[in-house]
Amino acid sequence: MFVKVWKEIEDGKIDPVYCIYGEETYFIDETIQRIKNALSRQEEVEMTTFDLEETPVDFVMEEADTFPFLSERKLIVARNAAFLKPAEKGAEKIDHDLKRLENWLKNPS
């Protein structure tokens, strides 16, 4: 799976959104780095990282919808999306608007 995605990234076929999850942090970090490297070959990239245990997903979407400040493109990494896996009710510290996220993912900026 990762090898196929890495090849596409290397070939410049970069999707607007990736949902990368799992226990193997090496593959997650390596994929993020490969995306950053591929984008950086084309132009300057502004990278911002959010922790979704502390930041509402609404804020991440708003950041994605704004233009980059000092570069041509943005790379936004949102880590710890615990709402994507089953959890105990009330375990979330942040209230995420998942319906808005679902709609945004249909047409990301």
Protein backbone atom coordinates (compact mmCIF):
# COMPACT_ATOMS: atom_id res chain seq x y z
CA MET A 1 0.00 0.00 0.00
CA PHE A 2 2.60 2.56 1.06
CA VAL A 3 4.94 1.66 -1.81
CA LYS A 4 2.19 2.43 -4.34
CA VAL A 5 1.38 5.76 -2.69
CA TRP A 6 5.08 6.65 -2.44
CA LYS A 7 5.53 5.94 -6.16
CA GLU A 8 2.58 8.19 -7.05
CA ILE A 9 3.98 10.96 -4.85
CA GLU A 10 7.41 10.54 -6.44
CA ASP A 11 5.77 10.84 -9.87
CA GLY A 12 4.15 14.13 -8.82
CA LYS A 13 0.64 12.70 -8.48
CA ILE A 14 -0.21 14.28 -5.14
CA ASP A 15 -3.79 14.15 -3.89
CA PRO A 16 -5.26 17.13 -2.03
CA VAL A 17 -5.98 15.00 1.08
CA TYR A 18 -4.46 11.83 2.52
CA CYS A 19 -5.88 9.91 5.46
CA ILE A 20 -2.91 8.03 6.87
CA TYR A 21 -3.38 6.06 10.06
CA GLY A 22 -2.06 3.03 11.86
CA GLU A 23 0.37 1.89 14.50
CA GLU A 24 3.49 2.13 12.32
CA THR A 25 4.60 5.72 12.84
CA TYR A 26 7.56 5.19 10.50
CA PHE A 27 5.26 4.78 7.49
CA ILE A 28 3.14 7.76 8.49
CA ASP A 29 6.14 10.03 9.03
CA GLU A 30 7.87 8.79 5.87
CA THR A 31 4.77 9.46 3.77
CA ILE A 32 4.44 12.98 5.16
CA GLN A 33 8.12 13.64 4.46
CA ARG A 34 7.81 12.32 0.90
CA ILE A 35 4.82 14.58 0.25
CA LYS A 36 6.74 17.55 1.63
CA ASN A 37 9.80 16.72 -0.47
CA ALA A 38 7.73 16.31 -3.64
CA LEU A 39 5.94 19.62 -3.09
CA SER A 40 9.23 21.37 -2.24
CA ARG A 41 10.73 20.28 -5.56
CA GLN A 42 7.99 22.24 -7.30
CA GLU A 43 7.87 25.36 -5.11
CA GLU A 44 8.18 26.60 -1.54
CA VAL A 45 5.90 24.86 0.95
CA GLU A 46 4.53 26.08 4.28
CA MET A 47 4.01 23.13 6.64
CA THR A 48 1.68 23.36 9.63
CA THR A 49 0.99 20.53 12.08
CA PHE A 50 -2.07 20.27 14.33
CA ASP A 51 -2.84 17.89 17.18
CA LEU A 52 -6.53 16.99 16.90
CA GLU A 53 -6.60 16.07 20.58
CA GLU A 54 -6.12 19.80 21.24
CA THR A 55 -7.43 21.52 18.08
CA PRO A 56 -10.93 21.27 16.58
CA VAL A 57 -11.00 19.86 13.06
CA ASP A 58 -12.97 23.01 12.06
CA PHE A 59 -9.84 25.08 12.70
CA VAL A 60 -7.77 22.76 10.49
CA MET A 61 -10.29 23.07 7.64
CA GLU A 62 -10.30 26.85 7.97
CA GLU A 63 -6.50 26.85 7.79
CA ALA A 64 -6.64 24.63 4.70
CA ASP A 65 -9.07 27.04 3.03
CA THR A 66 -6.80 30.08 3.46
CA PHE A 67 -3.94 31.01 1.16
CA PRO A 68 -0.38 30.37 2.31
CA PHE A 69 1.39 33.37 3.83
CA LEU A 70 5.05 33.20 2.77
CA SER A 71 5.06 30.36 0.26
CA GLU A 72 3.29 29.06 -2.81
CA ARG A 73 1.66 26.03 -1.20
CA LYS A 74 0.61 24.61 2.16
CA LEU A 75 1.05 21.20 3.67
CA ILE A 76 -1.21 20.69 6.66
CA VAL A 77 -0.71 17.68 8.91
CA ALA A 78 -3.43 16.85 11.43
CA ARG A 79 -2.30 14.19 13.90
CA ASN A 80 -4.15 12.13 16.51
CA ALA A 81 -7.55 11.96 14.83
CA ALA A 82 -8.96 9.73 17.55
CA PHE A 83 -12.48 10.43 16.27
CA LEU A 84 -11.72 8.15 13.30
CA LYS A 85 -11.61 5.06 15.50
CA PRO A 86 -14.12 3.66 17.97
CA ALA A 87 -13.76 5.17 21.41
CA GLU A 88 -15.57 5.40 24.68
CA LYS A 89 -18.39 7.91 24.66
CA GLY A 90 -17.23 11.20 26.15
CA ALA A 91 -13.53 10.37 25.78
CA GLU A 92 -12.98 13.23 23.31
CA LYS A 93 -11.65 16.45 24.83
CA ILE A 94 -12.57 18.45 21.72
CA ASP A 95 -15.93 18.60 19.97
CA HIS A 96 -15.25 17.98 16.26
CA ASP A 97 -17.82 18.84 13.59
CA LEU A 98 -17.56 15.55 11.70
CA LYS A 99 -20.46 16.33 9.36
CA ARG A 100 -18.67 19.48 8.22
CA LEU A 101 -15.46 17.47 7.79
CA GLU A 102 -17.30 14.90 5.69
CA ASN A 103 -18.71 17.64 3.45
CA TRP A 104 -15.34 19.40 3.20
CA LEU A 105 -13.60 16.17 2.16
CA LYS A 106 -15.94 15.91 -0.83
CA ASN A 107 -14.37 19.07 -2.26
CA PRO A 108 -11.16 20.04 -0.42
CA SER A 109 -9.42 23.26 -1.36
